[in-house]
Amino acid sequence: VRAGFGLDEIPKVKDLKVVRRISLVNNRFKEINGSPQCPKLTTLFLQDNRLLVNISGEFFRSMPRLVVLDLSWNVNLKVLPEQISELVSLRYLDLSDSSIGRLPVGLLKLKKLMHLNLESMLCLESVSGIDHLSNLKTLRLANLRMWLTMSLLEELERLENLEVLTIEIISSSALEQLLCSH
């Protein structure tokens, strides 16, 4: 088991500058670091890396065209770096089944983000500020340790493009509030 790696260490890839899609699913690395030059990368699958505990902030610096990022099932990943804000083209982000406790403020700067999956993030403390992601069409919040509150409902109401919402309702009054909402 290697302690860490950078994308520039992937064997058989001579020039990451031309790569459009990378899948690094179900590996045994603990850390991802470095700042790979991936100007054409659009899709990055990093799910189910159960030993992964850290992704350096530098890692996301040179991926200006990244549209899809899947970090699901990284059960030991507790922090997402603020530099995620540099993924200005990101439209799909899946953090489900990770151990991230707080969403970085930089996440709220991803104005093109349309699909956000936060399901089964049992350590997640809050989704406060989610209404800054005004282009969200899909927001998955089921199986969290937080429930629909009035302040969360108000934020959800400000997501005018929202088409799909998964959330757990634990009281009839919360359900009534949601059903009366636009």
C-alpha atoms as a PDB file:
ATOM      1  CA  VAL A   1       0.000   0.000   0.000  1.00  0.00           C
ATOM      2  CA  ARG A   2       1.492   3.286  -1.086  1.00  0.00           C
ATOM      3  CA  ALA A   3       1.054   6.237   1.201  1.00  0.00           C
ATOM      4  CA  GLY A   4       0.260   8.683  -1.586  1.00  0.00           C
ATOM      5  CA  PHE A   5       0.502   9.430  -5.256  1.00  0.00           C
ATOM      6  CA  GLY A   6       0.050  12.168  -7.801  1.00  0.00           C
ATOM      7  CA  LEU A   7      -1.645  11.757 -11.156  1.00  0.00           C
ATOM      8  CA  ASP A   8       1.674  12.430 -12.825  1.00  0.00           C
ATOM      9  CA  GLU A   9       2.793   9.017 -11.502  1.00  0.00           C
ATOM     10  CA  ILE A  10       0.149   6.976 -13.328  1.00  0.00           C
ATOM     11  CA  PRO A  11       1.975   4.407 -15.449  1.00  0.00           C
ATOM     12  CA  LYS A  12       1.513   4.235 -19.240  1.00  0.00           C
ATOM     13  CA  VAL A  13       0.251   7.811 -19.513  1.00  0.00           C
ATOM     14  CA  LYS A  14       2.969   9.859 -21.121  1.00  0.00           C
ATOM     15  CA  ASP A  15       1.129  13.164 -21.323  1.00  0.00           C
ATOM     16  CA  LEU A  16      -1.762  13.990 -19.004  1.00  0.00           C
ATOM     17  CA  LYS A  17      -2.366  17.181 -20.980  1.00  0.00           C
ATOM     18  CA  VAL A  18      -4.399  15.203 -23.550  1.00  0.00           C
ATOM     19  CA  VAL A  19      -6.362  12.930 -21.159  1.00  0.00           C
ATOM     20  CA  ARG A  20     -10.121  13.598 -20.943  1.00  0.00           C
ATOM     21  CA  ARG A  21     -11.318  10.905 -18.545  1.00  0.00           C
ATOM     22  CA  ILE A  22      -9.606   9.167 -15.630  1.00  0.00           C
ATOM     23  CA  SER A  23     -10.991   6.381 -13.468  1.00  0.00           C
ATOM     24  CA  LEU A  24      -9.126   5.495 -10.274  1.00  0.00           C
ATOM     25  CA  VAL A  25     -11.792   3.401  -8.583  1.00  0.00           C
ATOM     26  CA  ASN A  26     -11.191   0.993  -5.709  1.00  0.00           C
ATOM     27  CA  ASN A  27      -7.484   1.582  -5.109  1.00  0.00           C
ATOM     28  CA  ARG A  28      -5.381   1.366  -1.971  1.00  0.00           C
ATOM     29  CA  PHE A  29      -3.787   4.775  -1.782  1.00  0.00           C
ATOM     30  CA  LYS A  30      -4.116   6.906   1.329  1.00  0.00           C
ATOM     31  CA  GLU A  31      -3.336  10.325  -0.079  1.00  0.00           C
ATOM     32  CA  ILE A  32      -3.572  12.197  -3.362  1.00  0.00           C
ATOM     33  CA  ASN A  33      -1.172  15.076  -3.809  1.00  0.00           C
ATOM     34  CA  GLY A  34       0.608  17.095  -6.456  1.00  0.00           C
ATOM     35  CA  SER A  35      -0.770  19.409  -9.100  1.00  0.00           C
ATOM     36  CA  PRO A  36      -1.137  17.440 -12.335  1.00  0.00           C
ATOM     37  CA  GLN A  37      -1.503  19.426 -15.543  1.00  0.00           C
ATOM     38  CA  CYS A  38      -4.812  18.126 -16.924  1.00  0.00           C
ATOM     39  CA  PRO A  39      -6.235  20.984 -18.999  1.00  0.00           C
ATOM     40  CA  LYS A  40      -8.559  18.706 -21.028  1.00  0.00           C
ATOM     41  CA  LEU A  41      -9.753  16.455 -18.199  1.00  0.00           C
ATOM     42  CA  THR A  42     -13.568  16.437 -18.026  1.00  0.00           C
ATOM     43  CA  THR A  43     -14.318  13.362 -15.918  1.00  0.00           C
ATOM     44  CA  LEU A  44     -12.556  12.065 -12.815  1.00  0.00           C
ATOM     45  CA  PHE A  45     -13.799   8.974 -10.981  1.00  0.00           C
ATOM     46  CA  LEU A  46     -12.126   8.543  -7.590  1.00  0.00           C
ATOM     47  CA  GLN A  47     -14.812   6.558  -5.802  1.00  0.00           C
ATOM     48  CA  ASP A  48     -14.457   3.619  -3.454  1.00  0.00           C
ATOM     49  CA  ASN A  49     -10.886   4.306  -2.370  1.00  0.00           C
ATOM     50  CA  ARG A  50     -11.557   3.193   1.188  1.00  0.00           C
ATOM     51  CA  LEU A  51      -8.073   3.987   2.520  1.00  0.00           C
ATOM     52  CA  LEU A  52      -8.055   7.548   1.127  1.00  0.00           C
ATOM     53  CA  VAL A  53      -7.787  10.103   3.945  1.00  0.00           C
ATOM     54  CA  ASN A  54      -6.441  13.204   2.192  1.00  0.00           C
ATOM     55  CA  ILE A  55      -6.632  15.051  -1.116  1.00  0.00           C
ATOM     56  CA  SER A  56      -4.240  17.999  -1.229  1.00  0.00           C
ATOM     57  CA  GLY A  57      -5.556  21.387  -2.258  1.00  0.00           C
ATOM     58  CA  GLU A  58      -2.960  21.549  -5.024  1.00  0.00           C
ATOM     59  CA  PHE A  59      -4.509  18.533  -6.716  1.00  0.00           C
ATOM     60  CA  PHE A  60      -7.463  20.457  -8.211  1.00  0.00           C
ATOM     61  CA  ARG A  61      -5.454  23.455  -9.419  1.00  0.00           C
ATOM     62  CA  SER A  62      -5.012  22.547 -13.109  1.00  0.00           C
ATOM     63  CA  MET A  63      -8.305  20.960 -14.101  1.00  0.00           C
ATOM     64  CA  PRO A  64     -10.232  23.900 -15.574  1.00  0.00           C
ATOM     65  CA  ARG A  65     -12.537  21.738 -17.740  1.00  0.00           C
ATOM     66  CA  LEU A  66     -13.481  19.151 -15.114  1.00  0.00           C
ATOM     67  CA  VAL A  67     -17.248  18.599 -15.356  1.00  0.00           C
ATOM     68  CA  VAL A  68     -17.743  15.344 -13.404  1.00  0.00           C
ATOM     69  CA  LEU A  69     -16.070  14.501 -10.088  1.00  0.00           C
ATOM     70  CA  ASP A  70     -17.086  11.375  -8.194  1.00  0.00           C
ATOM     71  CA  LEU A  71     -15.607  11.012  -4.699  1.00  0.00           C
ATOM     72  CA  SER A  72     -18.300   8.683  -3.375  1.00  0.00           C
ATOM     73  CA  TRP A  73     -17.591   5.774  -1.044  1.00  0.00           C
ATOM     74  CA  ASN A  74     -14.332   7.256   0.228  1.00  0.00           C
ATOM     75  CA  VAL A  75     -15.364   6.390   3.766  1.00  0.00           C
ATOM     76  CA  ASN A  76     -12.200   7.725   5.433  1.00  0.00           C
ATOM     77  CA  LEU A  77     -12.129  11.044   3.581  1.00  0.00           C
ATOM     78  CA  LYS A  78     -13.009  13.669   6.201  1.00  0.00           C
ATOM     79  CA  VAL A  79     -12.012  16.945   4.532  1.00  0.00           C
ATOM     80  CA  LEU A  80     -12.460  18.360   1.060  1.00  0.00           C
ATOM     81  CA  PRO A  81      -9.929  21.101   0.215  1.00  0.00           C
ATOM     82  CA  GLU A  82     -11.063  24.694  -0.313  1.00  0.00           C
ATOM     83  CA  GLN A  83      -9.369  24.621  -3.716  1.00  0.00           C
ATOM     84  CA  ILE A  84     -12.342  22.699  -5.043  1.00  0.00           C
ATOM     85  CA  SER A  85     -13.551  26.212  -5.868  1.00  0.00           C
ATOM     86  CA  GLU A  86     -11.054  26.219  -8.744  1.00  0.00           C
ATOM     87  CA  LEU A  87     -13.108  23.587 -10.586  1.00  0.00           C
ATOM     88  CA  VAL A  88     -15.074  26.323 -12.344  1.00  0.00           C
ATOM     89  CA  SER A  89     -16.611  23.990 -14.971  1.00  0.00           C
ATOM     90  CA  LEU A  90     -17.850  21.385 -12.477  1.00  0.00           C
ATOM     91  CA  ARG A  91     -21.483  20.348 -13.042  1.00  0.00           C
ATOM     92  CA  TYR A  92     -21.684  17.002 -11.202  1.00  0.00           C
ATOM     93  CA  LEU A  93     -20.231  16.272  -7.755  1.00  0.00           C
ATOM     94  CA  ASP A  94     -20.825  13.093  -5.775  1.00  0.00           C
ATOM     95  CA  LEU A  95     -19.586  13.036  -2.170  1.00  0.00           C
ATOM     96  CA  SER A  96     -22.000  10.367  -0.953  1.00  0.00           C
ATOM     97  CA  ASP A  97     -20.876   7.860   1.653  1.00  0.00           C
ATOM     98  CA  SER A  98     -17.804   9.891   2.573  1.00  0.00           C
ATOM     99  CA  SER A  99     -16.929  11.043   6.096  1.00  0.00           C
ATOM    100  CA  ILE A 100     -16.666  14.742   5.241  1.00  0.00           C
ATOM    101  CA  GLY A 101     -17.936  16.735   8.221  1.00  0.00           C
ATOM    102  CA  ARG A 102     -18.075  20.223   6.706  1.00  0.00           C
ATOM    103  CA  LEU A 103     -18.521  21.385   3.160  1.00  0.00           C
ATOM    104  CA  PRO A 104     -15.754  23.796   2.202  1.00  0.00           C
ATOM    105  CA  VAL A 105     -16.811  27.398   1.594  1.00  0.00           C
ATOM    106  CA  GLY A 106     -15.186  27.080  -1.839  1.00  0.00           C
ATOM    107  CA  LEU A 107     -17.857  24.570  -2.835  1.00  0.00           C
ATOM    108  CA  LEU A 108     -20.417  27.370  -2.787  1.00  0.00           C
ATOM    109  CA  LYS A 109     -18.447  29.157  -5.534  1.00  0.00           C
ATOM    110  CA  LEU A 110     -19.170  26.403  -8.060  1.00  0.00           C
ATOM    111  CA  LYS A 111     -21.821  28.357  -9.953  1.00  0.00           C
ATOM    112  CA  LYS A 112     -22.169  25.807 -12.776  1.00  0.00           C
ATOM    113  CA  LEU A 113     -22.837  22.892 -10.416  1.00  0.00           C
ATOM    114  CA  MET A 114     -26.117  21.209 -11.371  1.00  0.00           C
ATOM    115  CA  HIS A 115     -26.027  17.853  -9.560  1.00  0.00           C
ATOM    116  CA  LEU A 116     -24.842  17.413  -5.968  1.00  0.00           C
ATOM    117  CA  ASN A 117     -25.062  14.107  -4.122  1.00  0.00           C
ATOM    118  CA  LEU A 118     -24.506  14.282  -0.361  1.00  0.00           C
ATOM    119  CA  GLU A 119     -26.465  11.151   0.566  1.00  0.00           C
ATOM    120  CA  SER A 120     -25.286   8.987   3.455  1.00  0.00           C
ATOM    121  CA  MET A 121     -22.700  11.504   4.645  1.00  0.00           C
ATOM    122  CA  LEU A 122     -23.263  10.639   8.286  1.00  0.00           C
ATOM    123  CA  CYS A 123     -20.619  13.081   9.562  1.00  0.00           C
ATOM    124  CA  LEU A 124     -21.940  16.101   7.638  1.00  0.00           C
ATOM    125  CA  GLU A 125     -22.909  18.825  10.099  1.00  0.00           C
ATOM    126  CA  SER A 126     -24.677  21.294   7.837  1.00  0.00           C
ATOM    127  CA  VAL A 127     -25.539  22.243   4.279  1.00  0.00           C
ATOM    128  CA  SER A 128     -25.890  25.895   5.191  1.00  0.00           C
ATOM    129  CA  GLY A 129     -25.307  28.180   2.227  1.00  0.00           C
ATOM    130  CA  ILE A 130     -26.498  25.578  -0.275  1.00  0.00           C
ATOM    131  CA  ASP A 131     -28.745  28.230  -1.825  1.00  0.00           C
ATOM    132  CA  HIS A 132     -25.622  29.858  -3.330  1.00  0.00           C
ATOM    133  CA  LEU A 133     -25.574  26.973  -5.819  1.00  0.00           C
ATOM    134  CA  SER A 134     -28.336  28.571  -7.860  1.00  0.00           C
ATOM    135  CA  ASN A 135     -28.041  26.218 -10.858  1.00  0.00           C
ATOM    136  CA  LEU A 136     -28.645  23.034  -8.856  1.00  0.00           C
ATOM    137  CA  LYS A 137     -31.167  20.754 -10.520  1.00  0.00           C
ATOM    138  CA  THR A 138     -30.503  17.684  -8.371  1.00  0.00           C
ATOM    139  CA  LEU A 139     -29.755  17.741  -4.651  1.00  0.00           C
ATOM    140  CA  ARG A 140     -29.542  14.443  -2.800  1.00  0.00           C
ATOM    141  CA  LEU A 141     -29.669  14.769   0.999  1.00  0.00           C
ATOM    142  CA  ALA A 142     -31.193  11.442   2.079  1.00  0.00           C
ATOM    143  CA  ASN A 143     -29.728   9.459   4.958  1.00  0.00           C
ATOM    144  CA  LEU A 144     -27.951  12.347   6.683  1.00  0.00           C
ATOM    145  CA  ARG A 145     -27.912  13.013  10.405  1.00  0.00           C
ATOM    146  CA  MET A 146     -29.759  16.274   9.853  1.00  0.00           C
ATOM    147  CA  TRP A 147     -33.378  16.872   9.090  1.00  0.00           C
ATOM    148  CA  LEU A 148     -35.509  19.406   7.342  1.00  0.00           C
ATOM    149  CA  THR A 149     -35.563  22.591   9.392  1.00  0.00           C
ATOM    150  CA  MET A 150     -37.269  25.855   8.586  1.00  0.00           C
ATOM    151  CA  SER A 151     -33.941  27.502   7.685  1.00  0.00           C
ATOM    152  CA  LEU A 152     -33.009  24.604   5.371  1.00  0.00           C
ATOM    153  CA  LEU A 153     -36.433  24.756   3.762  1.00  0.00           C
ATOM    154  CA  GLU A 154     -35.977  28.490   3.144  1.00  0.00           C
ATOM    155  CA  GLU A 155     -32.628  27.801   1.468  1.00  0.00           C
ATOM    156  CA  LEU A 156     -34.138  25.036  -0.654  1.00  0.00           C
ATOM    157  CA  GLU A 157     -36.918  27.389  -1.758  1.00  0.00           C
ATOM    158  CA  ARG A 158     -34.287  29.766  -3.147  1.00  0.00           C
ATOM    159  CA  LEU A 159     -32.997  27.007  -5.450  1.00  0.00           C
ATOM    160  CA  GLU A 160     -35.279  27.955  -8.320  1.00  0.00           C
ATOM    161  CA  ASN A 161     -33.892  25.367 -10.770  1.00  0.00           C
ATOM    162  CA  LEU A 162     -34.179  22.420  -8.369  1.00  0.00           C
ATOM    163  CA  GLU A 163     -35.997  19.483  -9.977  1.00  0.00           C
ATOM    164  CA  VAL A 164     -34.915  16.500  -7.841  1.00  0.00           C
ATOM    165  CA  LEU A 165     -34.610  16.562  -4.052  1.00  0.00           C
ATOM    166  CA  THR A 166     -34.082  13.548  -1.811  1.00  0.00           C
ATOM    167  CA  ILE A 167     -34.464  14.272   1.875  1.00  0.00           C
ATOM    168  CA  GLU A 168     -35.780  12.533   4.974  1.00  0.00           C
ATOM    169  CA  ILE A 169     -38.866  13.925   6.659  1.00  0.00           C
ATOM    170  CA  ILE A 170     -39.310  12.997  10.323  1.00  0.00           C
ATOM    171  CA  SER A 171     -42.420  14.944  11.247  1.00  0.00           C
ATOM    172  CA  SER A 172     -45.777  15.709   9.715  1.00  0.00           C
ATOM    173  CA  SER A 173     -45.223  19.449  10.251  1.00  0.00           C
ATOM    174  CA  ALA A 174     -41.969  19.318   8.249  1.00  0.00           C
ATOM    175  CA  LEU A 175     -43.790  17.442   5.492  1.00  0.00           C
ATOM    176  CA  GLU A 176     -46.553  20.014   5.511  1.00  0.00           C
ATOM    177  CA  GLN A 177     -44.011  22.835   5.262  1.00  0.00           C
ATOM    178  CA  LEU A 178     -42.313  21.133   2.341  1.00  0.00           C
ATOM    179  CA  LEU A 179     -45.581  20.471   0.500  1.00  0.00           C
ATOM    180  CA  CYS A 180     -46.675  24.086   0.938  1.00  0.00           C
ATOM    181  CA  SER A 181     -43.370  25.287  -0.455  1.00  0.00           C
ATOM    182  CA  HIS A 182     -42.904  26.052  -4.147  1.00  0.00           C
END
